[in-house]
Amino acid sequence: MFTIYDHDREEAARFKDNWIGFDPSAGLGGDPAKSGAGSSTSMIQKGAPVLWVQCVDGWQEGGDWAGYLQVVCEHQKGKWIDSKDGWVKTTASRAEPVWFVDKGDHYELWQGKEKRRPLTREDDYLRFCLGATPHRFKIRDAVDRGHR
């Protein structure tokens, strides 16, 4: 189980309406209505739920790996990541695989069996787009919270 992070901004991918994107204002915030503002009891999560996925029926090719991404968090659990129209969203059935192309300190993500469409960030939404310059991403594992 892992989540996808923007390499440069350290923001986790989140559910945004019916799509997947980033919320720059997300994170932890204080609730001044609770006593002891600033204490751990007054801290609340801000923003939409973080997207947690698993790679199903995956394979490796050199240093790259691919598979079908399925949502494992409670929000939309069991759905699949897809982008038939380019914009990344969840669907009821699995679609094309997603490639994680290892670039050393980050990954490029591509969709399609032949790595046809790179993943980009456009206006805080994720999009697989032919001919685009791939964005740089990290992944963070749920077990060790490490990322690369």
C-alpha atoms as a PDB file:
ATOM      1  CA  MET A   1       0.000   0.000   0.000  1.00  0.00           C
ATOM      2  CA  PHE A   2       1.396   3.387  -0.971  1.00  0.00           C
ATOM      3  CA  THR A   3       0.497   6.935  -1.896  1.00  0.00           C
ATOM      4  CA  ILE A   4       1.860   9.199  -4.613  1.00  0.00           C
ATOM      5  CA  TYR A   5       3.594  12.489  -3.730  1.00  0.00           C
ATOM      6  CA  ASP A   6       4.551  15.494  -5.807  1.00  0.00           C
ATOM      7  CA  HIS A   7       8.365  15.362  -5.798  1.00  0.00           C
ATOM      8  CA  ASP A   8       8.892  19.113  -5.469  1.00  0.00           C
ATOM      9  CA  ARG A   9       6.051  20.147  -3.173  1.00  0.00           C
ATOM     10  CA  GLU A  10       5.788  17.135  -0.815  1.00  0.00           C
ATOM     11  CA  GLU A  11       2.001  17.023  -1.305  1.00  0.00           C
ATOM     12  CA  ALA A  12       0.135  13.721  -1.262  1.00  0.00           C
ATOM     13  CA  ALA A  13      -2.331  12.811  -4.007  1.00  0.00           C
ATOM     14  CA  ARG A  14      -5.895  13.241  -2.757  1.00  0.00           C
ATOM     15  CA  PHE A  15      -9.460  12.767  -3.882  1.00  0.00           C
ATOM     16  CA  LYS A  16     -10.699  16.035  -5.427  1.00  0.00           C
ATOM     17  CA  ASP A  17     -14.369  15.868  -6.345  1.00  0.00           C
ATOM     18  CA  ASN A  18     -14.538  12.963  -8.853  1.00  0.00           C
ATOM     19  CA  TRP A  19     -10.859  13.186  -9.765  1.00  0.00           C
ATOM     20  CA  ILE A  20      -7.426  12.727  -8.208  1.00  0.00           C
ATOM     21  CA  GLY A  21      -5.187  15.702  -7.568  1.00  0.00           C
ATOM     22  CA  PHE A  22      -3.424  17.762  -4.939  1.00  0.00           C
ATOM     23  CA  ASP A  23      -4.668  20.176  -2.296  1.00  0.00           C
ATOM     24  CA  PRO A  24      -1.923  22.679  -1.432  1.00  0.00           C
ATOM     25  CA  SER A  25      -3.844  23.806   1.674  1.00  0.00           C
ATOM     26  CA  ALA A  26      -4.161  20.259   3.051  1.00  0.00           C
ATOM     27  CA  GLY A  27      -2.343  18.957   6.085  1.00  0.00           C
ATOM     28  CA  LEU A  28      -2.758  19.512   9.788  1.00  0.00           C
ATOM     29  CA  GLY A  29      -4.461  22.527  11.280  1.00  0.00           C
ATOM     30  CA  GLY A  30      -5.553  23.618  14.716  1.00  0.00           C
ATOM     31  CA  ASP A  31      -9.144  23.725  15.918  1.00  0.00           C
ATOM     32  CA  PRO A  32      -9.400  26.844  18.096  1.00  0.00           C
ATOM     33  CA  ALA A  33     -12.764  25.647  19.435  1.00  0.00           C
ATOM     34  CA  LYS A  34     -10.981  22.926  21.416  1.00  0.00           C
ATOM     35  CA  SER A  35      -9.131  23.736  24.604  1.00  0.00           C
ATOM     36  CA  GLY A  36      -5.366  23.789  24.437  1.00  0.00           C
ATOM     37  CA  ALA A  37      -5.102  25.018  20.849  1.00  0.00           C
ATOM     38  CA  GLY A  38      -1.829  23.795  19.448  1.00  0.00           C
ATOM     39  CA  SER A  39      -1.905  20.604  21.475  1.00  0.00           C
ATOM     40  CA  SER A  40      -2.264  17.239  19.787  1.00  0.00           C
ATOM     41  CA  THR A  41      -5.903  17.032  20.897  1.00  0.00           C
ATOM     42  CA  SER A  42      -6.777  20.177  18.954  1.00  0.00           C
ATOM     43  CA  MET A  43      -5.062  19.108  15.728  1.00  0.00           C
ATOM     44  CA  ILE A  44      -7.319  18.149  12.802  1.00  0.00           C
ATOM     45  CA  GLN A  45      -6.667  16.904   9.272  1.00  0.00           C
ATOM     46  CA  LYS A  46      -7.439  19.485   6.602  1.00  0.00           C
ATOM     47  CA  GLY A  47      -8.314  18.662   2.994  1.00  0.00           C
ATOM     48  CA  ALA A  48      -9.755  15.715   1.110  1.00  0.00           C
ATOM     49  CA  PRO A  49      -8.792  12.095   1.921  1.00  0.00           C
ATOM     50  CA  VAL A  50      -5.347  10.965   0.806  1.00  0.00           C
ATOM     51  CA  LEU A  51      -5.297   8.406  -2.027  1.00  0.00           C
ATOM     52  CA  TRP A  52      -3.804   5.061  -0.925  1.00  0.00           C
ATOM     53  CA  VAL A  53      -3.402   2.387  -3.611  1.00  0.00           C
ATOM     54  CA  GLN A  54      -1.950  -1.051  -4.172  1.00  0.00           C
ATOM     55  CA  CYS A  55      -0.396  -2.441  -7.336  1.00  0.00           C
ATOM     56  CA  VAL A  56      -2.378  -5.481  -8.537  1.00  0.00           C
ATOM     57  CA  ASP A  57      -1.078  -8.039 -11.076  1.00  0.00           C
ATOM     58  CA  GLY A  58       2.194  -6.144 -11.286  1.00  0.00           C
ATOM     59  CA  TRP A  59       5.419  -6.892 -13.133  1.00  0.00           C
ATOM     60  CA  GLN A  60       8.937  -5.518 -13.476  1.00  0.00           C
ATOM     61  CA  GLU A  61      10.984  -4.596 -16.492  1.00  0.00           C
ATOM     62  CA  GLY A  62      14.533  -3.560 -15.658  1.00  0.00           C
ATOM     63  CA  GLY A  63      14.333  -1.008 -12.848  1.00  0.00           C
ATOM     64  CA  ASP A  64      10.764  -0.032 -13.760  1.00  0.00           C
ATOM     65  CA  TRP A  65       7.596  -1.673 -12.489  1.00  0.00           C
ATOM     66  CA  ALA A  66       3.949  -1.574 -13.485  1.00  0.00           C
ATOM     67  CA  GLY A  67       0.516  -2.842 -12.585  1.00  0.00           C
ATOM     68  CA  TYR A  68      -3.098  -1.890 -12.099  1.00  0.00           C
ATOM     69  CA  LEU A  69      -3.722   0.582  -9.275  1.00  0.00           C
ATOM     70  CA  GLN A  70      -6.552  -0.221  -6.882  1.00  0.00           C
ATOM     71  CA  VAL A  71      -7.749   2.070  -4.068  1.00  0.00           C
ATOM     72  CA  VAL A  72      -7.201   0.532  -0.617  1.00  0.00           C
ATOM     73  CA  CYS A  73      -8.205   3.410   1.680  1.00  0.00           C
ATOM     74  CA  GLU A  74     -11.730   3.531   3.050  1.00  0.00           C
ATOM     75  CA  HIS A  75     -12.729   6.374   0.734  1.00  0.00           C
ATOM     76  CA  GLN A  76     -13.693   4.630  -2.551  1.00  0.00           C
ATOM     77  CA  LYS A  77     -12.047   1.368  -1.437  1.00  0.00           C
ATOM     78  CA  GLY A  78     -11.866  -1.285  -4.167  1.00  0.00           C
ATOM     79  CA  LYS A  79     -12.158   1.125  -7.097  1.00  0.00           C
ATOM     80  CA  TRP A  80      -9.473   1.403  -9.776  1.00  0.00           C
ATOM     81  CA  ILE A  81      -7.402   4.311 -11.048  1.00  0.00           C
ATOM     82  CA  ASP A  82      -8.215   5.239 -14.659  1.00  0.00           C
ATOM     83  CA  SER A  83      -7.923   8.136 -17.083  1.00  0.00           C
ATOM     84  CA  LYS A  84      -9.775   7.333 -20.286  1.00  0.00           C
ATOM     85  CA  ASP A  85     -10.265  11.055 -20.906  1.00  0.00           C
ATOM     86  CA  GLY A  86      -6.816  11.935 -19.540  1.00  0.00           C
ATOM     87  CA  TRP A  87      -7.905  13.198 -16.119  1.00  0.00           C
ATOM     88  CA  VAL A  88      -7.145  10.694 -13.355  1.00  0.00           C
ATOM     89  CA  LYS A  89     -10.181   9.401 -11.446  1.00  0.00           C
ATOM     90  CA  THR A  90     -11.544   6.225  -9.889  1.00  0.00           C
ATOM     91  CA  THR A  91     -13.725   3.732 -11.753  1.00  0.00           C
ATOM     92  CA  ALA A  92     -15.536   0.492 -10.975  1.00  0.00           C
ATOM     93  CA  SER A  93     -13.407  -1.649 -13.319  1.00  0.00           C
ATOM     94  CA  ARG A  94      -9.695  -1.772 -13.939  1.00  0.00           C
ATOM     95  CA  ALA A  95      -8.311  -0.101 -17.021  1.00  0.00           C
ATOM     96  CA  GLU A  96      -4.772   0.343 -18.321  1.00  0.00           C
ATOM     97  CA  PRO A  97      -1.691  -0.357 -16.203  1.00  0.00           C
ATOM     98  CA  VAL A  98       0.443   2.388 -14.704  1.00  0.00           C
ATOM     99  CA  TRP A  99       4.238   2.310 -15.050  1.00  0.00           C
ATOM    100  CA  PHE A 100       6.623   3.628 -12.390  1.00  0.00           C
ATOM    101  CA  VAL A 101       9.771   4.617 -14.261  1.00  0.00           C
ATOM    102  CA  ASP A 102      12.697   4.852 -11.822  1.00  0.00           C
ATOM    103  CA  LYS A 103      14.700   8.074 -12.266  1.00  0.00           C
ATOM    104  CA  GLY A 104      16.867   7.714  -9.152  1.00  0.00           C
ATOM    105  CA  ASP A 105      15.475  10.315  -6.750  1.00  0.00           C
ATOM    106  CA  HIS A 106      11.967  10.267  -8.231  1.00  0.00           C
ATOM    107  CA  TYR A 107       9.586   8.382 -10.507  1.00  0.00           C
ATOM    108  CA  GLU A 108       7.850   9.273 -13.725  1.00  0.00           C
ATOM    109  CA  LEU A 109       4.444   7.629 -14.030  1.00  0.00           C
ATOM    110  CA  TRP A 110       3.166   6.521 -17.423  1.00  0.00           C
ATOM    111  CA  GLN A 111      -0.070   4.818 -18.442  1.00  0.00           C
ATOM    112  CA  GLY A 112      -0.513   2.091 -21.030  1.00  0.00           C
ATOM    113  CA  LYS A 113       1.225  -1.186 -21.749  1.00  0.00           C
ATOM    114  CA  GLU A 114       3.716   0.692 -23.961  1.00  0.00           C
ATOM    115  CA  LYS A 115       4.223   3.653 -21.574  1.00  0.00           C
ATOM    116  CA  ARG A 116       2.310   5.948 -23.937  1.00  0.00           C
ATOM    117  CA  ARG A 117       1.002   8.744 -21.724  1.00  0.00           C
ATOM    118  CA  PRO A 118       3.067  10.457 -18.996  1.00  0.00           C
ATOM    119  CA  LEU A 119       1.415  11.698 -15.798  1.00  0.00           C
ATOM    120  CA  THR A 120       1.345  15.472 -15.401  1.00  0.00           C
ATOM    121  CA  ARG A 121       0.082  17.920 -12.810  1.00  0.00           C
ATOM    122  CA  GLU A 122      -2.265  20.516 -14.269  1.00  0.00           C
ATOM    123  CA  ASP A 123      -4.017  23.047 -12.032  1.00  0.00           C
ATOM    124  CA  ASP A 124      -3.545  20.690  -9.050  1.00  0.00           C
ATOM    125  CA  TYR A 125      -5.188  17.763 -10.900  1.00  0.00           C
ATOM    126  CA  LEU A 126      -3.453  14.659 -12.242  1.00  0.00           C
ATOM    127  CA  ARG A 127      -3.626  13.892 -15.952  1.00  0.00           C
ATOM    128  CA  PHE A 128      -2.104  11.277 -18.268  1.00  0.00           C
ATOM    129  CA  CYS A 129      -1.437  13.216 -21.462  1.00  0.00           C
ATOM    130  CA  LEU A 130       0.135  12.174 -24.777  1.00  0.00           C
ATOM    131  CA  GLY A 131       3.199  14.224 -25.700  1.00  0.00           C
ATOM    132  CA  ALA A 132       3.425  16.004 -22.334  1.00  0.00           C
ATOM    133  CA  THR A 133       6.528  16.378 -20.201  1.00  0.00           C
ATOM    134  CA  PRO A 134       6.236  13.935 -17.287  1.00  0.00           C
ATOM    135  CA  HIS A 135       5.966  15.384 -13.792  1.00  0.00           C
ATOM    136  CA  ARG A 136       8.261  14.118 -11.007  1.00  0.00           C
ATOM    137  CA  PHE A 137       6.703  11.987  -8.269  1.00  0.00           C
ATOM    138  CA  LYS A 138       7.674  10.057  -5.146  1.00  0.00           C
ATOM    139  CA  ILE A 139       5.875   7.189  -3.535  1.00  0.00           C
ATOM    140  CA  ARG A 140       5.422   6.699   0.193  1.00  0.00           C
ATOM    141  CA  ASP A 141       4.857   3.252   1.607  1.00  0.00           C
ATOM    142  CA  ALA A 142       2.265   2.872   4.368  1.00  0.00           C
ATOM    143  CA  VAL A 143       4.512   0.609   6.448  1.00  0.00           C
ATOM    144  CA  ASP A 144       7.700   2.606   6.805  1.00  0.00           C
ATOM    145  CA  ARG A 145       6.448   6.034   5.654  1.00  0.00           C
ATOM    146  CA  GLY A 146       9.648   6.259   3.606  1.00  0.00           C
ATOM    147  CA  HIS A 147       9.534   7.837   0.203  1.00  0.00           C
ATOM    148  CA  ARG A 148      11.569   8.141  -2.931  1.00  0.00           C
END
